[in-house]
Amino acid sequence: RLGSFANAQARYTTSGAIFENDAA
């Protein structure tokens, strides 16, 4: 929170999906 002037946020996300037997 930058005083009463502004609210700041920054986010980094790493994600993934793994399929059995290369089904997809």
PDB file of all heavy atoms in Angstrom:
ATOM      1  N   ARG A   1       0.859  -1.181   0.000  1.00  0.00           N
ATOM      2  CA  ARG A   1       0.000   0.000   0.000  1.00  0.00           C
ATOM      3  C   ARG A   1       0.895   1.231   0.000  1.00  0.00           C
ATOM      4  O   ARG A   1       1.720   1.425   0.897  1.00  0.00           O
ATOM      5  CB  ARG A   1      -0.907  -0.002   1.226  1.00  0.00           C
ATOM      6  CG  ARG A   1      -1.841   1.212   1.304  1.00  0.00           C
ATOM      7  CD  ARG A   1      -2.728   1.126   2.527  1.00  0.00           C
ATOM      8  NE  ARG A   1      -3.589  -0.048   2.463  1.00  0.00           N
ATOM      9  CZ  ARG A   1      -4.376  -0.421   3.462  1.00  0.00           C
ATOM     10  NH1 ARG A   1      -4.400   0.265   4.597  1.00  0.00           N
ATOM     11  NH2 ARG A   1      -5.138  -1.504   3.330  1.00  0.00           N
ATOM     12  N   LEU A   2       0.732   2.059  -1.019  1.00  0.00           N
ATOM     13  CA  LEU A   2       1.529   3.274  -1.153  1.00  0.00           C
ATOM     14  C   LEU A   2       0.763   4.445  -0.539  1.00  0.00           C
ATOM     15  O   LEU A   2       0.240   5.321  -1.233  1.00  0.00           O
ATOM     16  CB  LEU A   2       1.854   3.535  -2.625  1.00  0.00           C
ATOM     17  CG  LEU A   2       2.512   2.364  -3.376  1.00  0.00           C
ATOM     18  CD1 LEU A   2       2.721   2.704  -4.830  1.00  0.00           C
ATOM     19  CD2 LEU A   2       3.817   1.971  -2.709  1.00  0.00           C
ATOM     20  N   GLY A   3       0.697   4.429   0.787  1.00  0.00           N
ATOM     21  CA  GLY A   3      -0.071   5.454   1.474  1.00  0.00           C
ATOM     22  C   GLY A   3      -1.525   5.402   1.052  1.00  0.00           C
ATOM     23  O   GLY A   3      -2.107   4.332   0.856  1.00  0.00           O
ATOM     24  N   SER A   4      -2.130   6.562   0.907  1.00  0.00           N
ATOM     25  CA  SER A   4      -3.515   6.638   0.434  1.00  0.00           C
ATOM     26  C   SER A   4      -3.600   6.851  -1.067  1.00  0.00           C
ATOM     27  O   SER A   4      -4.691   6.967  -1.622  1.00  0.00           O
ATOM     28  CB  SER A   4      -4.240   7.788   1.147  1.00  0.00           C
ATOM     29  OG  SER A   4      -3.617   9.032   0.852  1.00  0.00           O
ATOM     30  N   PHE A   5      -2.422   6.855  -1.741  1.00  0.00           N
ATOM     31  CA  PHE A   5      -2.413   7.134  -3.177  1.00  0.00           C
ATOM     32  C   PHE A   5      -2.769   5.914  -4.012  1.00  0.00           C
ATOM     33  O   PHE A   5      -3.602   5.984  -4.929  1.00  0.00           O
ATOM     34  CB  PHE A   5      -1.043   7.662  -3.591  1.00  0.00           C
ATOM     35  CG  PHE A   5      -0.890   7.833  -5.078  1.00  0.00           C
ATOM     36  CD1 PHE A   5      -1.566   8.837  -5.756  1.00  0.00           C
ATOM     37  CD2 PHE A   5      -0.074   6.962  -5.805  1.00  0.00           C
ATOM     38  CE1 PHE A   5      -1.430   8.978  -7.136  1.00  0.00           C
ATOM     39  CE2 PHE A   5       0.061   7.095  -7.171  1.00  0.00           C
ATOM     40  CZ  PHE A   5      -0.617   8.104  -7.841  1.00  0.00           C
ATOM     41  N   ALA A   6      -2.149   4.762  -3.723  1.00  0.00           N
ATOM     42  CA  ALA A   6      -2.351   3.603  -4.589  1.00  0.00           C
ATOM     43  C   ALA A   6      -2.013   2.310  -3.846  1.00  0.00           C
ATOM     44  O   ALA A   6      -1.364   2.323  -2.793  1.00  0.00           O
ATOM     45  CB  ALA A   6      -1.495   3.718  -5.853  1.00  0.00           C
ATOM     46  N   ASN A   7      -2.461   1.209  -4.442  1.00  0.00           N
ATOM     47  CA  ASN A   7      -2.116  -0.131  -3.993  1.00  0.00           C
ATOM     48  C   ASN A   7      -1.406  -0.847  -5.140  1.00  0.00           C
ATOM     49  O   ASN A   7      -1.891  -0.844  -6.278  1.00  0.00           O
ATOM     50  CB  ASN A   7      -3.363  -0.913  -3.590  1.00  0.00           C
ATOM     51  CG  ASN A   7      -4.121  -0.249  -2.461  1.00  0.00           C
ATOM     52  OD1 ASN A   7      -3.550   0.071  -1.422  1.00  0.00           O
ATOM     53  ND2 ASN A   7      -5.415  -0.021  -2.657  1.00  0.00           N
ATOM     54  N   ALA A   8      -0.257  -1.450  -4.856  1.00  0.00           N
ATOM     55  CA  ALA A   8       0.547  -2.092  -5.891  1.00  0.00           C
ATOM     56  C   ALA A   8       0.643  -3.587  -5.624  1.00  0.00           C
ATOM     57  O   ALA A   8       0.703  -4.025  -4.468  1.00  0.00           O
ATOM     58  CB  ALA A   8       1.944  -1.482  -5.938  1.00  0.00           C
ATOM     59  N   GLN A   9       0.660  -4.375  -6.708  1.00  0.00           N
ATOM     60  CA  GLN A   9       0.833  -5.813  -6.589  1.00  0.00           C
ATOM     61  C   GLN A   9       1.561  -6.330  -7.822  1.00  0.00           C
ATOM     62  O   GLN A   9       1.321  -5.880  -8.947  1.00  0.00           O
ATOM     63  CB  GLN A   9      -0.497  -6.543  -6.440  1.00  0.00           C
ATOM     64  CG  GLN A   9      -0.348  -8.046  -6.213  1.00  0.00           C
ATOM     65  CD  GLN A   9      -1.667  -8.775  -6.049  1.00  0.00           C
ATOM     66  OE1 GLN A   9      -2.167  -9.387  -6.987  1.00  0.00           O
ATOM     67  NE2 GLN A   9      -2.228  -8.718  -4.843  1.00  0.00           N
ATOM     68  N   ALA A  10       2.472  -7.278  -7.617  1.00  0.00           N
ATOM     69  CA  ALA A  10       3.176  -7.954  -8.707  1.00  0.00           C
ATOM     70  C   ALA A  10       3.263  -9.429  -8.366  1.00  0.00           C
ATOM     71  O   ALA A  10       3.574  -9.797  -7.226  1.00  0.00           O
ATOM     72  CB  ALA A  10       4.561  -7.363  -8.905  1.00  0.00           C
ATOM     73  N   ARG A  11       2.988 -10.289  -9.354  1.00  0.00           N
ATOM     74  CA  ARG A  11       2.919 -11.732  -9.105  1.00  0.00           C
ATOM     75  C   ARG A  11       3.615 -12.489 -10.231  1.00  0.00           C
ATOM     76  O   ARG A  11       3.486 -12.153 -11.415  1.00  0.00           O
ATOM     77  CB  ARG A  11       1.455 -12.163  -9.012  1.00  0.00           C
ATOM     78  CG  ARG A  11       1.263 -13.662  -8.770  1.00  0.00           C
ATOM     79  CD  ARG A  11      -0.205 -14.040  -8.851  1.00  0.00           C
ATOM     80  NE  ARG A  11      -0.972 -13.525  -7.729  1.00  0.00           N
ATOM     81  CZ  ARG A  11      -1.198 -14.209  -6.603  1.00  0.00           C
ATOM     82  NH1 ARG A  11      -0.688 -15.429  -6.465  1.00  0.00           N
ATOM     83  NH2 ARG A  11      -1.924 -13.682  -5.641  1.00  0.00           N
ATOM     84  N   TYR A  12       4.367 -13.530  -9.832  1.00  0.00           N
ATOM     85  CA  TYR A  12       4.954 -14.471 -10.786  1.00  0.00           C
ATOM     86  C   TYR A  12       4.355 -15.846 -10.524  1.00  0.00           C
ATOM     87  O   TYR A  12       4.251 -16.279  -9.367  1.00  0.00           O
ATOM     88  CB  TYR A  12       6.467 -14.536 -10.628  1.00  0.00           C
ATOM     89  CG  TYR A  12       7.095 -15.699 -11.366  1.00  0.00           C
ATOM     90  CD1 TYR A  12       7.254 -15.665 -12.741  1.00  0.00           C
ATOM     91  CD2 TYR A  12       7.503 -16.838 -10.678  1.00  0.00           C
ATOM     92  CE1 TYR A  12       7.811 -16.729 -13.424  1.00  0.00           C
ATOM     93  CE2 TYR A  12       8.060 -17.914 -11.350  1.00  0.00           C
ATOM     94  CZ  TYR A  12       8.217 -17.851 -12.725  1.00  0.00           C
ATOM     95  OH  TYR A  12       8.760 -18.919 -13.388  1.00  0.00           O
ATOM     96  N   THR A  13       3.969 -16.556 -11.575  1.00  0.00           N
ATOM     97  CA  THR A  13       3.350 -17.868 -11.430  1.00  0.00           C
ATOM     98  C   THR A  13       3.992 -18.843 -12.402  1.00  0.00           C
ATOM     99  O   THR A  13       4.122 -18.551 -13.595  1.00  0.00           O
ATOM    100  CB  THR A  13       1.840 -17.815 -11.708  1.00  0.00           C
ATOM    101  OG1 THR A  13       1.226 -16.871 -10.830  1.00  0.00           O
ATOM    102  CG2 THR A  13       1.205 -19.187 -11.493  1.00  0.00           C
ATOM    103  N   THR A  14       4.391 -19.990 -11.884  1.00  0.00           N
ATOM    104  CA  THR A  14       4.817 -21.096 -12.732  1.00  0.00           C
ATOM    105  C   THR A  14       3.866 -22.251 -12.501  1.00  0.00           C
ATOM    106  O   THR A  14       3.504 -22.558 -11.356  1.00  0.00           O
ATOM    107  CB  THR A  14       6.277 -21.512 -12.432  1.00  0.00           C
ATOM    108  OG1 THR A  14       6.641 -22.582 -13.318  1.00  0.00           O
ATOM    109  CG2 THR A  14       6.455 -21.946 -10.990  1.00  0.00           C
ATOM    110  N   SER A  15       3.419 -22.876 -13.559  1.00  0.00           N
ATOM    111  CA  SER A  15       2.400 -23.914 -13.454  1.00  0.00           C
ATOM    112  C   SER A  15       2.590 -24.918 -14.574  1.00  0.00           C
ATOM    113  O   SER A  15       3.356 -24.693 -15.523  1.00  0.00           O
ATOM    114  CB  SER A  15       0.997 -23.301 -13.515  1.00  0.00           C
ATOM    115  OG  SER A  15       0.820 -22.603 -14.740  1.00  0.00           O
ATOM    116  N   GLY A  16       1.875 -26.043 -14.469  1.00  0.00           N
ATOM    117  CA  GLY A  16       1.991 -27.047 -15.515  1.00  0.00           C
ATOM    118  C   GLY A  16       1.008 -28.171 -15.339  1.00  0.00           C
ATOM    119  O   GLY A  16       0.290 -28.265 -14.337  1.00  0.00           O
ATOM    120  N   ALA A  17       0.994 -29.060 -16.331  1.00  0.00           N
ATOM    121  CA  ALA A  17       0.136 -30.245 -16.324  1.00  0.00           C
ATOM    122  C   ALA A  17       0.937 -31.419 -16.850  1.00  0.00           C
ATOM    123  O   ALA A  17       1.666 -31.295 -17.842  1.00  0.00           O
ATOM    124  CB  ALA A  17      -1.107 -30.022 -17.173  1.00  0.00           C
ATOM    125  N   ILE A  18       0.813 -32.577 -16.186  1.00  0.00           N
ATOM    126  CA  ILE A  18       1.552 -33.779 -16.539  1.00  0.00           C
ATOM    127  C   ILE A  18       0.548 -34.910 -16.726  1.00  0.00           C
ATOM    128  O   ILE A  18      -0.282 -35.170 -15.841  1.00  0.00           O
ATOM    129  CB  ILE A  18       2.567 -34.154 -15.442  1.00  0.00           C
ATOM    130  CG1 ILE A  18       3.522 -32.979 -15.189  1.00  0.00           C
ATOM    131  CG2 ILE A  18       3.350 -35.399 -15.821  1.00  0.00           C
ATOM    132  CD1 ILE A  18       4.393 -33.173 -13.970  1.00  0.00           C
ATOM    133  N   PHE A  19       0.629 -35.612 -17.869  1.00  0.00           N
ATOM    134  CA  PHE A  19      -0.327 -36.661 -18.215  1.00  0.00           C
ATOM    135  C   PHE A  19       0.347 -38.030 -18.201  1.00  0.00           C
ATOM    136  O   PHE A  19       1.453 -38.185 -18.719  1.00  0.00           O
ATOM    137  CB  PHE A  19      -0.930 -36.407 -19.599  1.00  0.00           C
ATOM    138  CG  PHE A  19      -1.788 -35.182 -19.671  1.00  0.00           C
ATOM    139  CD1 PHE A  19      -1.224 -33.939 -19.887  1.00  0.00           C
ATOM    140  CD2 PHE A  19      -3.168 -35.261 -19.512  1.00  0.00           C
ATOM    141  CE1 PHE A  19      -2.008 -32.799 -19.950  1.00  0.00           C
ATOM    142  CE2 PHE A  19      -3.956 -34.131 -19.576  1.00  0.00           C
ATOM    143  CZ  PHE A  19      -3.389 -32.894 -19.792  1.00  0.00           C
ATOM    144  N   GLU A  20      -0.342 -38.991 -17.623  1.00  0.00           N
ATOM    145  CA  GLU A  20       0.158 -40.361 -17.567  1.00  0.00           C
ATOM    146  C   GLU A  20       0.266 -40.958 -18.970  1.00  0.00           C
ATOM    147  O   GLU A  20      -0.620 -40.798 -19.808  1.00  0.00           O
ATOM    148  CB  GLU A  20      -0.799 -41.200 -16.715  1.00  0.00           C
ATOM    149  CG  GLU A  20      -0.484 -42.684 -16.696  1.00  0.00           C
ATOM    150  CD  GLU A  20      -1.619 -43.492 -16.112  1.00  0.00           C
ATOM    151  OE1 GLU A  20      -2.765 -42.994 -16.102  1.00  0.00           O
ATOM    152  OE2 GLU A  20      -1.356 -44.610 -15.652  1.00  0.00           O
ATOM    153  N   ASN A  21       1.396 -41.653 -19.232  1.00  0.00           N
ATOM    154  CA  ASN A  21       1.610 -42.384 -20.483  1.00  0.00           C
ATOM    155  C   ASN A  21       1.430 -41.503 -21.718  1.00  0.00           C
ATOM    156  O   ASN A  21       0.958 -41.964 -22.761  1.00  0.00           O
ATOM    157  CB  ASN A  21       0.667 -43.598 -20.574  1.00  0.00           C
ATOM    158  CG  ASN A  21       0.892 -44.592 -19.462  1.00  0.00           C
ATOM    159  OD1 ASN A  21       2.012 -44.760 -18.986  1.00  0.00           O
ATOM    160  ND2 ASN A  21      -0.180 -45.251 -19.027  1.00  0.00           N
ATOM    161  N   ASP A  22       1.778 -40.235 -21.591  1.00  0.00           N
ATOM    162  CA  ASP A  22       1.675 -39.302 -22.728  1.00  0.00           C
ATOM    163  C   ASP A  22       0.279 -39.291 -23.340  1.00  0.00           C
ATOM    164  O   ASP A  22       0.110 -39.200 -24.562  1.00  0.00           O
ATOM    165  CB  ASP A  22       2.708 -39.650 -23.812  1.00  0.00           C
ATOM    166  CG  ASP A  22       4.136 -39.522 -23.303  1.00  0.00           C
ATOM    167  OD1 ASP A  22       4.384 -38.604 -22.489  1.00  0.00           O
ATOM    168  OD2 ASP A  22       5.003 -40.319 -23.710  1.00  0.00           O
ATOM    169  N   ALA A  23      -0.742 -39.395 -22.490  1.00  0.00           N
ATOM    170  CA  ALA A  23      -2.115 -39.390 -22.982  1.00  0.00           C
ATOM    171  C   ALA A  23      -2.477 -38.067 -23.640  1.00  0.00           C
ATOM    172  O   ALA A  23      -3.350 -38.014 -24.507  1.00  0.00           O
ATOM    173  CB  ALA A  23      -3.079 -39.685 -21.835  1.00  0.00           C
ATOM    174  N   ALA A  24      -1.843 -36.997 -23.254  1.00  0.00           N
ATOM    175  CA  ALA A  24      -2.023 -35.687 -23.872  1.00  0.00           C
ATOM    176  C   ALA A  24      -0.701 -34.941 -23.728  1.00  0.00           C
ATOM    177  O   ALA A  24       0.253 -35.434 -23.104  1.00  0.00           O
ATOM    178  CB  ALA A  24      -3.168 -34.921 -23.209  1.00  0.00           C
TER     179      ALA A  24
END
